[in-house]
N, C-alpha and C. Protein backbone atom coordinates (compact mmCIF):
# COMPACT_ATOMS: atom_id res chain seq x y z
N MET A 1 146.60 176.54 201.38
CA MET A 1 145.88 176.02 200.25
C MET A 1 146.17 176.92 199.04
N THR A 2 146.52 176.27 197.97
CA THR A 2 146.84 177.03 196.78
C THR A 2 145.57 177.50 196.08
N LYS A 3 145.73 178.45 195.19
CA LYS A 3 144.59 179.01 194.47
C LYS A 3 143.96 177.96 193.55
N LYS A 4 144.78 177.11 192.93
CA LYS A 4 144.24 176.08 192.04
C LYS A 4 143.40 175.07 192.81
N ARG A 5 143.88 174.67 193.99
CA ARG A 5 143.13 173.71 194.79
C ARG A 5 141.82 174.33 195.29
N ARG A 6 141.89 175.59 195.70
CA ARG A 6 140.70 176.27 196.18
C ARG A 6 139.66 176.37 195.06
N ASN A 7 140.10 176.69 193.85
CA ASN A 7 139.17 176.78 192.71
C ASN A 7 138.57 175.43 192.36
N ALA A 8 139.39 174.38 192.41
CA ALA A 8 138.88 173.04 192.10
C ALA A 8 137.86 172.60 193.14
N LEU A 9 138.14 172.85 194.41
CA LEU A 9 137.19 172.49 195.46
C LEU A 9 135.92 173.33 195.38
N MET A 10 136.06 174.60 195.03
CA MET A 10 134.89 175.47 194.87
C MET A 10 133.99 174.95 193.74
N MET A 11 134.58 174.53 192.65
CA MET A 11 133.79 174.00 191.54
C MET A 11 133.12 172.67 191.92
N PHE A 12 133.82 171.87 192.74
CA PHE A 12 133.23 170.61 193.20
C PHE A 12 132.01 170.89 194.08
N VAL A 13 132.12 171.85 194.98
CA VAL A 13 130.99 172.21 195.83
C VAL A 13 129.85 172.79 195.00
N LEU A 14 130.18 173.60 194.01
CA LEU A 14 129.15 174.15 193.12
C LEU A 14 128.43 173.02 192.38
N THR A 15 129.17 172.00 191.96
CA THR A 15 128.56 170.86 191.29
C THR A 15 127.59 170.14 192.22
N LEU A 16 128.02 169.92 193.46
CA LEU A 16 127.14 169.23 194.41
C LEU A 16 125.89 170.06 194.72
N LEU A 17 126.05 171.36 194.87
CA LEU A 17 124.90 172.21 195.15
C LEU A 17 123.92 172.23 193.98
N TYR A 18 124.43 172.32 192.76
CA TYR A 18 123.53 172.36 191.61
C TYR A 18 122.85 171.00 191.40
N ALA A 19 123.59 169.92 191.66
CA ALA A 19 122.98 168.59 191.55
C ALA A 19 121.87 168.43 192.58
N ALA A 20 122.10 168.89 193.80
CA ALA A 20 121.05 168.81 194.83
C ALA A 20 119.86 169.66 194.43
N LEU A 21 120.11 170.83 193.86
CA LEU A 21 119.02 171.69 193.40
C LEU A 21 118.20 170.99 192.32
N GLN A 22 118.86 170.31 191.41
CA GLN A 22 118.16 169.60 190.34
C GLN A 22 117.33 168.44 190.89
N PHE A 23 117.88 167.70 191.87
CA PHE A 23 117.16 166.54 192.40
C PHE A 23 115.91 166.94 193.17
N PHE A 24 115.94 168.07 193.83
CA PHE A 24 114.80 168.47 194.66
C PHE A 24 113.85 169.43 193.95
N ARG A 25 114.13 169.76 192.71
CA ARG A 25 113.26 170.64 191.94
C ARG A 25 112.11 169.81 191.36
N PRO A 26 110.90 170.35 191.33
CA PRO A 26 109.78 169.62 190.71
C PRO A 26 110.06 169.35 189.23
N ASN A 27 109.53 168.24 188.74
CA ASN A 27 109.80 167.81 187.36
C ASN A 27 109.35 168.82 186.32
N MET A 28 108.25 169.46 186.55
CA MET A 28 107.70 170.36 185.54
C MET A 28 108.50 171.66 185.41
N THR A 29 109.32 171.99 186.39
CA THR A 29 110.10 173.23 186.31
C THR A 29 111.45 173.03 185.64
N LEU A 30 111.81 171.79 185.32
CA LEU A 30 113.08 171.54 184.64
C LEU A 30 112.98 171.96 183.18
N THR A 31 113.97 172.70 182.72
CA THR A 31 114.01 173.12 181.32
C THR A 31 115.25 172.55 180.67
N LEU A 32 115.34 172.73 179.38
CA LEU A 32 116.51 172.26 178.65
C LEU A 32 117.78 172.97 179.13
N LEU A 33 117.67 174.24 179.44
CA LEU A 33 118.82 174.99 179.93
C LEU A 33 119.32 174.43 181.26
N ASN A 34 118.43 174.05 182.16
CA ASN A 34 118.84 173.45 183.43
C ASN A 34 119.60 172.15 183.21
N VAL A 35 119.12 171.35 182.27
CA VAL A 35 119.77 170.07 181.99
C VAL A 35 121.15 170.29 181.38
N ILE A 36 121.27 171.24 180.48
CA ILE A 36 122.56 171.53 179.85
C ILE A 36 123.55 172.04 180.89
N ILE A 37 123.10 172.91 181.77
CA ILE A 37 123.98 173.42 182.82
C ILE A 37 124.40 172.29 183.76
N SER A 38 123.49 171.37 184.04
CA SER A 38 123.85 170.26 184.92
C SER A 38 124.88 169.33 184.28
N PHE A 39 125.00 169.34 182.95
CA PHE A 39 126.06 168.58 182.29
C PHE A 39 127.36 169.37 182.24
N LEU A 40 127.26 170.66 182.03
CA LEU A 40 128.46 171.49 181.84
C LEU A 40 129.23 171.75 183.13
N ILE A 41 128.54 171.93 184.24
CA ILE A 41 129.24 172.24 185.49
C ILE A 41 130.20 171.12 185.90
N PRO A 42 129.81 169.84 185.89
CA PRO A 42 130.79 168.80 186.25
C PRO A 42 131.95 168.70 185.26
N ILE A 43 131.69 168.95 183.98
CA ILE A 43 132.77 168.89 183.00
C ILE A 43 133.78 170.01 183.24
N ILE A 44 133.28 171.20 183.51
CA ILE A 44 134.18 172.32 183.80
C ILE A 44 134.93 172.08 185.11
N ALA A 45 134.24 171.48 186.09
CA ALA A 45 134.91 171.17 187.36
C ALA A 45 136.01 170.12 187.16
N MET A 46 135.80 169.19 186.23
CA MET A 46 136.86 168.23 185.92
C MET A 46 138.08 168.92 185.33
N LEU A 47 137.86 169.93 184.52
CA LEU A 47 138.98 170.68 183.96
C LEU A 47 139.74 171.42 185.05
N PHE A 48 139.02 171.97 186.02
CA PHE A 48 139.69 172.61 187.14
C PHE A 48 140.49 171.59 187.94
N ALA A 49 139.94 170.37 188.13
CA ALA A 49 140.65 169.34 188.87
C ALA A 49 141.87 168.83 188.09
N LEU A 50 141.78 168.78 186.78
CA LEU A 50 142.93 168.37 185.98
C LEU A 50 144.08 169.36 186.08
N ASN A 51 143.78 170.58 186.45
CA ASN A 51 144.80 171.61 186.57
C ASN A 51 145.65 171.44 187.84
N LEU A 52 145.19 170.61 188.79
CA LEU A 52 145.95 170.38 190.01
C LEU A 52 147.18 169.54 189.73
N LYS A 53 148.24 169.82 190.45
CA LYS A 53 149.50 169.09 190.24
C LYS A 53 149.58 167.82 191.08
N GLU A 54 148.97 167.83 192.29
CA GLU A 54 149.08 166.68 193.18
C GLU A 54 148.07 165.59 192.79
N PRO A 55 148.55 164.38 192.52
CA PRO A 55 147.61 163.31 192.15
C PRO A 55 146.69 162.91 193.32
N LEU A 56 147.12 163.23 194.55
CA LEU A 56 146.28 162.93 195.71
C LEU A 56 144.97 163.70 195.67
N TRP A 57 144.97 164.89 195.11
CA TRP A 57 143.77 165.71 194.98
C TRP A 57 143.12 165.57 193.61
N ARG A 58 143.92 165.38 192.58
CA ARG A 58 143.42 165.39 191.21
C ARG A 58 142.45 164.25 190.92
N TRP A 59 142.89 163.02 191.11
CA TRP A 59 142.10 161.88 190.66
C TRP A 59 140.84 161.63 191.48
N PRO A 60 140.87 161.79 192.82
CA PRO A 60 139.59 161.64 193.54
C PRO A 60 138.55 162.70 193.14
N LEU A 61 139.00 163.93 192.92
CA LEU A 61 138.05 164.96 192.49
C LEU A 61 137.48 164.65 191.11
N ILE A 62 138.33 164.19 190.21
CA ILE A 62 137.85 163.83 188.87
C ILE A 62 136.87 162.66 188.94
N ALA A 63 137.17 161.68 189.79
CA ALA A 63 136.27 160.52 189.93
C ALA A 63 134.92 160.94 190.50
N MET A 64 134.94 161.80 191.52
CA MET A 64 133.67 162.26 192.10
C MET A 64 132.88 163.11 191.12
N GLU A 65 133.56 163.93 190.35
CA GLU A 65 132.87 164.71 189.32
C GLU A 65 132.27 163.81 188.25
N GLY A 66 133.00 162.76 187.90
CA GLY A 66 132.48 161.80 186.92
C GLY A 66 131.23 161.10 187.42
N ILE A 67 131.22 160.75 188.71
CA ILE A 67 130.05 160.11 189.30
C ILE A 67 128.86 161.06 189.27
N VAL A 68 129.09 162.32 189.64
CA VAL A 68 128.01 163.31 189.61
C VAL A 68 127.51 163.51 188.18
N LEU A 69 128.42 163.54 187.21
CA LEU A 69 128.02 163.70 185.81
C LEU A 69 127.16 162.53 185.35
N ILE A 70 127.54 161.32 185.71
CA ILE A 70 126.75 160.14 185.35
C ILE A 70 125.37 160.20 186.00
N LEU A 71 125.32 160.60 187.27
CA LEU A 71 124.03 160.74 187.95
C LEU A 71 123.15 161.78 187.27
N MET A 72 123.74 162.87 186.85
CA MET A 72 122.96 163.91 186.20
C MET A 72 122.45 163.46 184.83
N VAL A 73 123.23 162.68 184.11
CA VAL A 73 122.78 162.15 182.82
C VAL A 73 121.61 161.18 183.04
N VAL A 74 121.74 160.30 184.01
CA VAL A 74 120.66 159.36 184.31
C VAL A 74 119.41 160.12 184.76
N PHE A 75 119.61 161.13 185.60
CA PHE A 75 118.49 161.94 186.06
C PHE A 75 117.80 162.63 184.90
N ALA A 76 118.56 163.19 183.99
CA ALA A 76 117.98 163.89 182.84
C ALA A 76 117.23 162.91 181.94
N LEU A 77 117.79 161.74 181.73
CA LEU A 77 117.11 160.75 180.87
C LEU A 77 115.82 160.24 181.50
N THR A 78 115.84 159.98 182.79
CA THR A 78 114.62 159.46 183.43
C THR A 78 113.54 160.52 183.49
N HIS A 79 113.91 161.78 183.71
CA HIS A 79 112.89 162.82 183.77
C HIS A 79 112.40 163.21 182.38
N SER A 80 113.24 163.09 181.38
CA SER A 80 112.75 163.39 180.03
C SER A 80 111.80 162.31 179.56
N ILE A 81 112.03 161.08 179.96
CA ILE A 81 111.10 159.99 179.60
C ILE A 81 109.79 160.16 180.38
N ALA A 82 109.88 160.60 181.64
CA ALA A 82 108.68 160.78 182.44
C ALA A 82 107.82 161.93 181.93
N LEU A 83 108.44 162.92 181.28
CA LEU A 83 107.69 164.07 180.80
C LEU A 83 106.99 163.80 179.48
N ILE A 84 107.40 162.74 178.79
CA ILE A 84 106.80 162.44 177.47
C ILE A 84 105.44 161.80 177.62
């Protein structure tokens, strides 16, 4: 396994772990910083995935990161509406 692939997979796992942390955290403990980080981690992970040369690894990782990013945006919007 190359270093680029290992870094891209590590960022993907970090994205999944942080998304799970956000979903299971109580609503009142969410802050603006948590929401911003939940948007930034998938975007940075996409950049790591774009650095891969093999399209077999690149595009599925980017697609999964995009799905997680969309889920985090929806999660942030629904919880910000619930807090108002």
